[in-house]
Protein backbone atom coordinates (compact mmCIF):
# COMPACT_ATOMS: atom_id res chain seq x y z
CA MET A 1 -2.83 -22.31 12.25
CA SER A 2 -0.34 -23.74 14.78
CA THR A 3 -2.98 -26.13 16.20
CA GLY A 4 -2.66 -28.28 12.98
CA VAL A 5 -6.39 -28.30 12.59
CA PRO A 6 -7.18 -28.60 8.79
CA GLY A 7 -8.98 -25.71 7.10
CA HIS A 8 -8.50 -22.17 6.70
CA PRO A 9 -6.92 -20.56 9.59
CA GLY A 10 -8.45 -16.91 9.22
CA GLU A 11 -6.63 -13.59 9.52
CA PRO A 12 -3.99 -12.80 8.75
CA TRP A 13 -3.54 -15.65 6.17
CA SER A 14 -5.09 -15.37 2.61
CA ARG A 15 -8.28 -16.99 1.79
CA GLY A 16 -6.50 -19.74 -0.19
CA VAL A 17 -4.44 -20.93 2.68
CA ARG A 18 -5.28 -24.36 4.09
CA ARG A 19 -3.35 -26.52 6.47
CA ARG A 20 -3.81 -30.48 5.91
CA GLU A 21 -4.11 -33.23 8.20
CA ASP A 22 -0.26 -33.80 7.96
CA GLY A 23 0.08 -30.38 8.97
CA VAL A 24 1.56 -29.19 5.45
CA VAL A 25 0.18 -25.72 4.58
CA GLU A 26 -1.27 -25.48 1.02
CA VAL A 27 -1.66 -21.93 -0.81
CA ALA A 28 -4.68 -22.14 -3.50
CA GLY A 29 -3.85 -25.86 -3.64
CA VAL A 30 -0.04 -25.70 -3.97
CA ASP A 31 1.73 -27.13 -1.14
CA VAL A 32 4.73 -25.31 0.37
CA HIS A 33 7.03 -28.15 -0.15
CA ARG A 34 6.35 -27.81 -4.05
CA LEU A 35 6.69 -24.06 -3.95
CA ALA A 36 10.12 -24.51 -2.17
CA ALA A 37 11.16 -27.06 -4.74
CA GLU A 38 10.03 -25.34 -7.75
CA HIS A 39 10.84 -21.66 -6.88
CA GLY A 40 13.41 -21.80 -3.89
CA THR A 41 13.17 -19.81 -0.73
CA PRO A 42 12.88 -17.14 0.26
CA ALA A 43 9.86 -16.35 -1.96
CA TYR A 44 6.97 -14.10 -2.18
CA VAL A 45 3.85 -16.07 -2.80
CA LEU A 46 0.64 -14.22 -3.99
CA ASP A 47 -2.94 -15.81 -3.91
CA GLU A 48 -4.32 -14.40 -7.17
CA ASP A 49 -7.92 -15.17 -6.19
CA ASP A 50 -7.51 -13.43 -2.86
CA PHE A 51 -6.24 -10.34 -4.61
CA ARG A 52 -8.96 -10.28 -7.15
CA THR A 53 -11.62 -11.11 -4.34
CA ARG A 54 -10.20 -8.00 -2.19
CA ALA A 55 -10.15 -5.85 -5.33
CA ARG A 56 -13.76 -6.49 -6.18
CA ALA A 57 -14.98 -6.12 -2.55
CA TYR A 58 -13.43 -2.34 -2.51
CA ARG A 59 -14.89 -1.64 -5.81
CA THR A 60 -18.30 -2.82 -4.89
CA ALA A 61 -18.42 -1.32 -1.57
CA PHE A 62 -17.34 1.93 -2.41
CA GLU A 63 -19.57 1.87 -5.81
CA THR A 64 -22.52 0.82 -3.88
CA ALA A 65 -22.12 3.30 -0.82
CA PHE A 66 -21.54 6.20 -3.02
CA ARG A 67 -24.46 5.70 -5.50
CA ALA A 68 -26.69 5.36 -2.56
CA VAL A 69 -25.93 9.07 -1.71
CA GLY A 70 -25.90 10.35 -5.31
CA SER A 71 -22.23 10.14 -6.42
CA ASP A 72 -19.99 8.02 -8.18
CA VAL A 73 -16.45 6.64 -7.35
CA ASP A 74 -13.22 5.55 -8.90
CA VAL A 75 -11.04 2.83 -7.06
CA TYR A 76 -7.36 3.07 -7.85
CA TYR A 77 -4.90 0.45 -6.97
CA ALA A 78 -2.15 1.93 -4.97
CA GLY A 79 0.81 0.41 -6.98
CA LYS A 80 3.44 1.50 -4.35
CA ALA A 81 2.46 -1.52 -2.25
CA LEU A 82 3.18 -4.03 -5.02
CA LEU A 83 3.21 -3.38 -8.73
CA THR A 84 4.07 -6.05 -11.34
CA VAL A 85 2.69 -6.20 -14.76
CA ALA A 86 0.66 -9.08 -13.77
CA VAL A 87 -0.72 -7.22 -10.56
CA ALA A 88 -1.57 -4.17 -12.67
CA ARG A 89 -3.45 -6.20 -15.11
CA TRP A 90 -5.37 -8.14 -12.29
CA ALA A 91 -6.35 -4.59 -10.87
CA ARG A 92 -7.65 -3.53 -14.45
CA GLU A 93 -9.42 -6.72 -14.89
CA GLU A 94 -11.49 -6.03 -11.53
CA GLY A 95 -12.41 -2.77 -12.70
CA LEU A 96 -9.93 -0.70 -11.00
CA ARG A 97 -7.72 2.09 -11.86
CA VAL A 98 -3.84 2.31 -11.24
CA ASP A 99 -2.22 4.82 -8.96
CA THR A 100 1.75 5.19 -9.84
CA ALA A 101 4.30 7.14 -7.65
CA SER A 102 7.16 7.09 -10.01
CA GLY A 103 8.23 6.92 -13.42
CA GLY A 104 9.21 3.30 -12.84
CA GLU A 105 5.64 2.38 -11.54
CA LEU A 106 4.24 4.31 -14.52
CA ALA A 107 6.15 2.40 -16.77
CA VAL A 108 4.99 -0.91 -15.55
CA ALA A 109 1.34 0.14 -15.42
CA LEU A 110 1.69 0.99 -19.20
CA ARG A 111 3.46 -2.16 -19.90
CA ALA A 112 0.55 -4.18 -18.58
CA GLY A 113 -1.69 -2.21 -20.91
CA VAL A 114 -3.52 0.10 -18.55
CA PRO A 115 -4.78 3.08 -20.69
CA GLY A 116 -2.97 6.37 -19.72
CA PRO A 117 -6.46 7.96 -18.75
CA GLN A 118 -6.95 5.30 -16.15
CA ILE A 119 -3.55 5.95 -14.70
CA GLY A 120 -2.72 8.58 -11.81
CA LEU A 121 0.87 9.86 -11.16
CA HIS A 122 1.77 11.07 -7.52
CA GLY A 123 5.23 12.17 -6.15
CA ASN A 124 6.46 14.94 -4.13
CA ASN A 125 9.45 15.68 -6.30
CA LYS A 126 8.57 14.35 -9.88
CA SER A 127 11.26 14.73 -12.39
CA ASP A 128 10.68 16.57 -15.71
CA ALA A 129 11.01 13.09 -17.40
CA GLU A 130 8.36 11.75 -15.43
CA ILE A 131 6.06 14.56 -15.96
CA VAL A 132 6.64 14.39 -19.53
CA ARG A 133 6.21 10.79 -19.98
CA ALA A 134 2.79 11.17 -18.02
CA LEU A 135 1.77 13.97 -20.49
CA ASP A 136 2.77 11.84 -23.57
CA GLU A 137 0.95 9.00 -22.53
CA GLY A 138 -2.43 10.85 -21.69
CA VAL A 139 -2.15 10.15 -18.03
CA GLY A 140 -5.44 11.02 -16.45
CA ARG A 141 -4.53 13.05 -13.47
CA ILE A 142 -1.02 14.29 -12.06
CA ILE A 143 -1.54 14.89 -8.51
CA VAL A 144 0.59 18.33 -7.87
CA ASP A 145 2.45 18.41 -4.43
CA SER A 146 3.80 21.99 -4.28
CA LEU A 147 3.74 25.42 -6.00
CA VAL A 148 6.87 24.79 -7.63
CA GLU A 149 5.36 21.84 -9.01
CA VAL A 150 2.28 23.67 -10.26
CA ALA A 151 4.57 25.84 -12.24
CA ARG A 152 6.72 22.98 -13.57
CA VAL A 153 3.64 20.95 -14.89
CA ALA A 154 2.24 24.17 -16.78
CA ARG A 155 5.67 24.78 -18.36
CA LEU A 156 6.00 21.20 -19.59
CA ALA A 157 2.41 21.02 -20.58
CA GLY A 158 2.44 24.54 -22.67
CA GLU A 159 5.74 23.08 -24.26
CA ARG A 160 3.83 20.15 -25.82
CA GLY A 161 0.58 22.32 -26.65
CA VAL A 162 -1.46 20.07 -24.19
CA VAL A 163 -3.65 20.71 -21.01
CA ALA A 164 -2.54 18.86 -18.06
CA PRO A 165 -5.21 17.40 -15.87
CA VAL A 166 -3.98 17.84 -12.39
CA MET A 167 -5.15 17.64 -8.65
CA VAL A 168 -3.99 19.39 -5.84
CA ARG A 169 -2.66 17.28 -2.88
CA VAL A 170 -3.66 18.92 0.44
CA THR A 171 -2.76 18.11 4.01
CA THR A 172 -5.94 18.26 6.32
CA GLY A 173 -4.20 18.15 9.70
CA VAL A 174 -5.68 14.63 10.21
CA HIS A 175 -3.21 12.53 11.68
CA ALA A 176 -3.78 8.80 11.21
CA GLY A 177 -1.95 5.67 10.75
CA GLY A 178 0.53 3.04 12.62
CA HIS A 179 3.58 5.08 12.72
CA GLU A 180 4.81 8.63 12.58
CA TYR A 181 6.75 8.01 9.17
CA ILE A 182 3.33 6.73 7.54
CA SER A 183 0.84 9.20 8.78
CA THR A 184 0.84 11.62 5.94
CA ALA A 185 -1.73 14.54 6.60
CA HIS A 186 0.05 16.47 9.57
CA GLU A 187 1.65 19.69 8.79
CA ASP A 188 5.25 18.67 9.41
CA GLN A 189 5.98 16.36 6.70
CA LYS A 190 6.80 16.43 3.18
CA PHE A 191 3.62 15.66 1.26
CA GLY A 192 0.99 18.15 0.12
CA LEU A 193 0.06 21.69 0.87
CA SER A 194 -1.51 22.56 4.10
CA ILE A 195 -5.18 23.94 4.26
CA ALA A 196 -4.42 25.85 7.22
CA ALA A 197 -4.01 29.58 6.60
CA PRO A 198 -1.08 31.22 8.22
CA ARG A 199 -1.62 33.16 11.33
CA GLY A 200 -0.21 36.80 12.27
CA ALA A 201 1.14 37.90 15.53
CA ASP A 202 -2.57 38.37 16.79
CA GLY A 203 -3.28 34.69 16.17
CA GLU A 204 -5.72 35.83 13.36
CA PRO A 205 -5.61 34.15 9.77
CA ALA A 206 -3.22 36.24 7.58
CA GLY A 207 -3.69 35.27 3.92
CA ASP A 208 -4.57 32.33 2.08
CA SER A 209 -3.43 28.98 2.90
CA PRO A 210 -0.83 27.03 0.91
CA ALA A 211 -3.77 24.77 -0.53
CA MET A 212 -5.77 27.75 -1.79
CA THR A 213 -2.86 29.45 -3.01
CA ALA A 214 -2.11 26.43 -5.24
CA LEU A 215 -5.72 25.96 -6.36
CA LEU A 216 -5.89 29.59 -7.19
CA ASP A 217 -2.78 29.25 -9.27
CA VAL A 218 -3.89 26.20 -11.13
CA VAL A 219 -7.36 27.94 -12.04
CA ALA A 220 -5.34 30.93 -13.44
CA ARG A 221 -3.23 28.94 -15.77
CA PRO A 222 -4.64 27.95 -18.99
CA GLU A 223 -1.92 24.87 -19.55
CA LEU A 224 -3.68 23.19 -16.52
CA HIS A 225 -7.23 21.78 -15.65
CA LEU A 226 -8.01 21.17 -12.22
CA LEU A 227 -9.66 18.24 -11.98
CA GLY A 228 -9.95 18.21 -8.13
CA ILE A 229 -8.52 18.07 -4.61
CA HIS A 230 -6.68 15.23 -3.16
CA SER A 231 -6.11 14.19 0.31
CA HIS A 232 -4.17 11.23 2.07
CA ILE A 233 -3.92 10.70 5.90
CA GLY A 234 -1.91 7.97 6.37
CA SER A 235 -1.38 4.12 6.24
CA GLN A 236 -2.61 1.04 8.15
CA ILE A 237 -5.63 2.99 9.50
CA LEU A 238 -8.24 1.04 11.49
CA ASP A 239 -10.60 3.91 12.55
CA PRO A 240 -12.65 5.20 9.68
CA SER A 241 -13.35 8.34 11.60
CA GLY A 242 -10.16 9.96 10.08
CA PHE A 243 -11.39 9.56 6.51
CA GLU A 244 -14.75 11.30 7.55
CA VAL A 245 -13.11 14.32 9.08
CA ALA A 246 -10.52 14.84 6.34
CA ALA A 247 -13.32 14.40 3.59
CA ARG A 248 -15.30 17.01 5.21
CA ALA A 249 -12.18 19.37 5.20
CA VAL A 250 -11.76 18.90 1.76
CA LEU A 251 -15.37 19.52 0.93
CA ASP A 252 -15.04 22.72 2.71
CA LEU A 253 -11.98 23.85 0.94
CA ARG A 254 -13.75 22.95 -2.36
CA ALA A 255 -16.76 25.22 -1.50
CA ARG A 256 -14.68 28.21 -0.55
CA LEU A 257 -12.55 27.81 -3.88
CA ALA A 258 -16.06 27.88 -5.66
CA ALA A 259 -17.05 30.92 -3.75
CA ARG A 260 -13.74 32.69 -4.78
CA THR A 261 -13.72 31.66 -8.48
CA GLY A 262 -16.90 30.18 -9.58
CA VAL A 263 -14.89 26.93 -10.06
CA LEU A 264 -16.28 23.73 -8.34
CA VAL A 265 -14.03 20.99 -8.83
CA ASP A 266 -15.58 17.96 -9.99
CA GLU A 267 -13.55 15.37 -8.10
CA VAL A 268 -12.27 14.72 -4.59
CA ASP A 269 -9.86 12.03 -3.83
CA VAL A 270 -9.80 10.66 -0.15
CA GLY A 271 -6.57 8.57 -0.48
CA GLY A 272 -5.94 5.10 0.80
CA GLY A 273 -4.44 3.68 3.91
CA TYR A 274 -7.01 0.87 4.94
CA GLY A 275 -5.69 -1.20 7.66
CA ILE A 276 -5.37 -4.85 7.57
CA ALA A 277 -4.72 -7.78 10.01
CA TYR A 278 -1.15 -8.54 10.67
CA LEU A 279 -1.60 -10.70 13.58
CA PRO A 280 -4.04 -13.68 14.64
CA GLY A 281 -6.74 -11.70 16.43
CA ASP A 282 -6.33 -8.24 14.43
CA VAL A 283 -9.43 -6.94 12.78
CA ALA A 284 -8.94 -5.43 9.34
CA LEU A 285 -10.86 -2.24 8.30
CA ASP A 286 -14.05 -3.78 6.78
CA PRO A 287 -14.58 -1.77 3.14
CA GLU A 288 -18.24 -2.00 3.52
CA ARG A 289 -18.52 -0.19 6.77
CA VAL A 290 -15.75 2.64 5.90
CA ALA A 291 -17.77 3.07 2.54
CA LYS A 292 -20.90 3.56 4.24
CA ASP A 293 -19.58 6.01 6.90
CA VAL A 294 -17.43 8.04 4.36
CA ALA A 295 -20.50 8.44 1.77
CA ARG A 296 -22.72 9.32 4.74
CA ALA A 297 -20.21 11.85 5.94
CA VAL A 298 -19.52 13.67 2.57
CA GLU A 299 -23.44 13.59 1.86
CA ALA A 300 -23.94 15.38 5.29
CA ALA A 301 -21.01 17.91 4.66
CA ALA A 302 -21.95 18.65 1.07
CA ALA A 303 -25.58 19.43 2.46
CA GLU A 304 -24.54 21.82 5.11
CA LEU A 305 -22.12 23.68 2.57
CA GLY A 306 -25.04 23.80 -0.19
CA THR A 307 -22.83 21.98 -2.62
CA PRO A 308 -23.55 19.11 -5.09
CA LEU A 309 -21.21 16.24 -4.44
CA PRO A 310 -18.29 15.53 -6.48
CA ARG A 311 -17.06 12.31 -7.78
CA PHE A 312 -14.96 10.70 -5.37
CA SER A 313 -11.71 8.34 -5.81
CA ILE A 314 -9.98 6.10 -3.40
CA GLU A 315 -6.49 4.39 -3.30
CA PRO A 316 -6.27 1.11 -1.37
CA GLY A 317 -3.14 -0.85 -1.86
CA ARG A 318 -2.15 -2.81 1.28
CA ALA A 319 -5.81 -3.59 1.70
CA ILE A 320 -5.87 -5.34 -1.60
CA VAL A 321 -2.45 -7.03 -1.87
CA GLY A 322 -1.00 -7.33 1.77
CA PRO A 323 -3.23 -10.36 2.77
CA ALA A 324 -2.82 -11.94 -0.42
CA GLY A 325 0.94 -12.55 0.18
CA LEU A 326 2.97 -14.29 2.33
CA THR A 327 6.74 -14.96 2.39
CA LEU A 328 8.14 -18.54 2.56
CA TYR A 329 11.50 -19.02 4.15
CA THR A 330 13.74 -21.92 5.20
CA VAL A 331 14.85 -22.19 8.69
CA GLY A 332 18.79 -22.13 9.28
CA THR A 333 20.39 -21.54 12.60
CA VAL A 334 18.12 -22.05 15.83
CA LYS A 335 19.90 -20.69 18.97
CA PRO A 336 18.33 -20.25 22.59
CA VAL A 337 19.33 -17.28 24.25
CA ALA A 338 18.81 -16.55 28.09
CA LEU A 339 17.10 -13.20 28.79
CA ASP A 340 17.84 -11.01 32.02
CA ASP A 341 14.39 -11.83 33.26
CA GLY A 342 15.05 -15.63 33.29
CA ARG A 343 13.25 -16.64 30.12
CA VAL A 344 14.90 -18.22 27.33
CA ARG A 345 14.06 -16.58 23.75
CA THR A 346 14.88 -18.83 20.65
CA TYR A 347 16.38 -16.93 17.90
CA VAL A 348 15.05 -18.75 14.50
CA SER A 349 17.41 -17.71 11.75
CA VAL A 350 15.81 -17.66 8.17
CA ASP A 351 17.44 -17.34 4.82
CA GLY A 352 15.98 -14.04 4.10
CA GLY A 353 15.61 -10.94 6.37
CA MET A 354 15.54 -7.24 6.28
CA SER A 355 16.07 -7.09 2.76
CA ASP A 356 12.89 -8.75 1.86
CA ASN A 357 10.91 -6.97 4.42
CA ILE A 358 12.49 -3.87 5.74
CA ARG A 359 9.16 -2.76 7.77
CA PRO A 360 9.84 -4.54 10.95
CA ALA A 361 13.28 -2.81 11.09
CA LEU A 362 12.06 0.71 9.67
CA TYR A 363 8.48 0.87 11.59
CA GLU A 364 8.78 -1.63 14.38
CA ALA A 365 6.03 -3.25 12.26
CA GLN A 366 4.54 -6.61 13.88
CA TYR A 367 4.20 -9.90 11.75
CA HIS A 368 3.25 -13.36 12.57
CA ALA A 369 5.00 -16.52 11.51
CA GLU A 370 4.28 -20.15 11.63
CA VAL A 371 6.01 -23.42 10.72
CA VAL A 372 4.36 -24.51 7.56
CA GLY A 373 6.05 -27.80 6.38
CA ARG A 374 4.85 -30.32 8.87
CA ALA A 375 2.80 -30.82 12.15
CA SER A 376 4.40 -30.61 15.55
CA ASP A 377 3.01 -31.66 19.07
CA ALA A 378 5.96 -29.87 20.67
CA GLU A 379 5.36 -27.23 23.44
CA PRO A 380 5.63 -23.78 21.90
CA VAL A 381 8.51 -21.61 22.89
CA LEU A 382 9.23 -17.81 22.73
CA ALA A 383 10.62 -17.12 19.40
CA ARG A 384 12.16 -14.03 17.38
CA VAL A 385 12.46 -15.00 13.62
CA VAL A 386 15.58 -12.95 12.39
CA GLY A 387 17.38 -12.74 9.11
CA LYS A 388 20.84 -13.54 7.95
CA HIS A 389 22.07 -9.63 7.49
CA CYS A 390 24.94 -8.32 9.42
CA GLU A 391 22.56 -6.07 11.52
CA SER A 392 21.34 -6.73 15.11
CA GLY A 393 17.95 -5.00 14.02
CA ASP A 394 17.47 -7.62 11.07
CA ILE A 395 14.12 -9.01 12.75
CA VAL A 396 11.65 -10.50 10.68
CA VAL A 397 9.05 -11.24 13.41
CA HIS A 398 9.90 -9.66 16.99
CA GLU A 399 7.95 -12.29 19.24
CA VAL A 400 6.03 -15.30 18.30
CA LEU A 401 5.16 -18.55 19.78
CA LEU A 402 6.97 -21.51 17.41
CA PRO A 403 7.14 -25.26 18.02
CA GLY A 404 9.88 -26.15 20.58
CA ASP A 405 11.10 -28.59 18.02
CA VAL A 406 11.49 -25.92 15.40
CA ARG A 407 14.93 -26.80 13.40
CA SER A 408 17.05 -26.23 10.47
CA GLY A 409 15.53 -27.15 7.22
CA ASP A 410 11.89 -26.24 8.46
CA LEU A 411 9.70 -24.42 6.09
CA LEU A 412 8.39 -21.10 7.85
CA ALA A 413 5.66 -18.74 6.36
CA VAL A 414 5.06 -15.10 7.38
CA PRO A 415 1.62 -13.97 6.23
CA ALA A 416 0.38 -10.48 5.42
CA THR A 417 3.50 -9.45 3.48
CA GLY A 418 2.27 -9.05 0.08
CA ALA A 419 2.36 -5.27 0.47
CA TYR A 420 5.72 -3.26 0.87
CA GLY A 421 7.82 -6.56 0.95
CA ARG A 422 8.80 -6.81 -2.53
CA SER A 423 8.37 -3.01 -3.42
CA MET A 424 10.74 -2.04 -0.44
CA ALA A 425 13.22 -4.95 -1.02
CA SER A 426 16.88 -4.30 -1.24
CA ASN A 427 20.17 -5.85 -1.90
CA TYR A 428 21.71 -5.25 1.54
CA ASN A 429 24.58 -7.67 1.95
CA LEU A 430 24.34 -8.21 -1.74
CA LEU A 431 21.40 -10.74 -1.23
CA THR A 432 19.49 -11.14 -4.48
CA ARG A 433 15.93 -10.35 -4.11
CA PRO A 434 13.34 -13.03 -4.00
CA PRO A 435 10.72 -14.11 -6.79
CA VAL A 436 7.19 -13.10 -6.80
CA VAL A 437 5.23 -16.18 -7.45
CA ALA A 438 1.35 -16.35 -7.97
CA VAL A 439 -0.58 -19.12 -7.11
CA ARG A 440 -4.15 -20.30 -8.53
CA ASP A 441 -6.13 -23.39 -8.72
CA GLY A 442 -3.30 -25.83 -7.68
CA ALA A 443 -0.59 -24.25 -10.16
CA SER A 444 2.14 -21.66 -9.55
CA ARG A 445 3.79 -19.22 -12.02
CA VAL A 446 6.51 -16.75 -11.71
CA LEU A 447 5.49 -13.09 -12.05
CA VAL A 448 8.89 -11.53 -11.15
CA ARG A 449 11.81 -14.10 -11.25
CA ARG A 450 14.57 -14.31 -8.63
CA GLU A 451 17.56 -12.17 -8.82
CA THR A 452 20.96 -13.79 -9.37
CA VAL A 453 24.45 -12.89 -8.69
CA ASP A 454 24.86 -12.33 -12.35
CA ASP A 455 22.39 -9.69 -12.10
CA LEU A 456 24.20 -8.15 -9.45
CA LEU A 457 27.37 -8.20 -11.27
CA ALA A 458 25.87 -7.00 -14.57
CA LEU A 459 25.46 -3.62 -12.85
CA ASP A 460 29.14 -3.48 -11.51
CA GLU A 461 31.19 -1.68 -14.08
CA GLY A 462 34.25 -1.46 -11.78
C-alpha cells in the first residue's frame, strides 16, 4: 500500500481498505482523517463486513467438507480474540456459536443474546461462580481441564439438581504455533490432560493416561454428561497437518474409551489456531484447504478404527477478527538513531504502544505499518514504530520501511490487530484504553467507547 496505487492493497489489510489517488486510506468508505477526527487516536477500527465474510467462509468451508464425509460440524467463534456485545451478535448472525474463556466473556455473550446452549465455557481454573453461572444459564458445554475440575463441576451440578454437559480437554503432544507460549498441546504446559500413559521403570505403559482417567471419571458420575473430547494445539498455525495428527489421536482415544466403557462420545473438538497474514507476502491458512484436509484425515482414521464419525467442532477466533481490524495512531516524536553497523534506524513514536498491543513485547510478534493519511514520494527509511510507555521494549512494529518524510501529526495504521489487541490491552502508565470502532458502508459507530481518566479515577478508592 505504500506505493500509493489506488485500490485494495491485499493482505494483511481487511477487504474494506482502499487507498485513494491522494494517498488517503479509507476503511469501508470512511477515510482515516474522518475516523481520527470523530473518534481520536489511538483507535481500534473494525471492518464489519470483513468480519462477517470471514465468519461465513469458515462456517461454509467446514460444513461443506465434513458433510462430504458424512459428519456435521459446529463453528464456535473464539471470543478471547475479541469479544464485545456487537461482535458476539455478528458471530451469531453468521451462524456461529461462541466460545468463552471466563465469566466476563460469558457475560458479554449472554448480554449479546447468544442462547446458553450455543455457548462453550473454557478455562483451566474456573471459579465456582463461573461454573454456577454456566449451569444456571444452560451453557451447552463446559470444557473441563483437570481431574479436580471434574469433581468440582459434578458437585456444583449435583447441588442444583442438573446434569452438566462436559467435554474433557486433552493434550495430544502435537506442538504447533508461532511461539512456545501459544503452543498448547505439548505436555509441559498448564492446559488439558495428556493422552500419553505414564511409563514404568522398564519404559512400558503403567496405567491409564490422565486423559483416560478423567474420561472414565466423567462417565462414572451421574451429575455429568460426557459430550465429547476437546483438543487445541496452538495458535497462528499455518500448516494444517498438525490438526490432522491431533484429530487422529483424539479419535483413537475415543475408540479406546468406547472399548472400555461402551460409551462412544458424540463430539470431538479440534480447536482453533488458524493462522493469518501479519506482513505483506504472508499467506494465511485457507479455510477450504484445512477443512478438506482435516475431514479426509478423520474419515480415514475413523475407518481404520472401525468407529462412526462423531460430530465435530472448531474454534476460529483470530482467523475471523484479526484481519478485520487495524489500529490507527497519530505520530509524535520522530528520532533517527545511528546503529553500530553504520545504518540509521528512524524511531517513530505513536500515541499508543504496548498498552494497546502487547503481542510484540510478549511474543516478539511481527506487524506491518504504513502512513495512511497522505501520499509520499520520499525514499523509504528503515523505521521502528514504538509507543509512549516507559519501557524500551515498548515496540509496536520492530522493523518496517516508512517514507523518509514521516513526521509528527501523520496518521499511521497497523493492520491485522483485530485479534488480541483490545482483549489483551492494559492501563500501563495509566493510559486509557482505545475505543473499538466499527465501520460499514461509509459510516462508523463506537462498539466500545474510549476510556477516560475519570474511568481510571473511579476505580481508585484511595
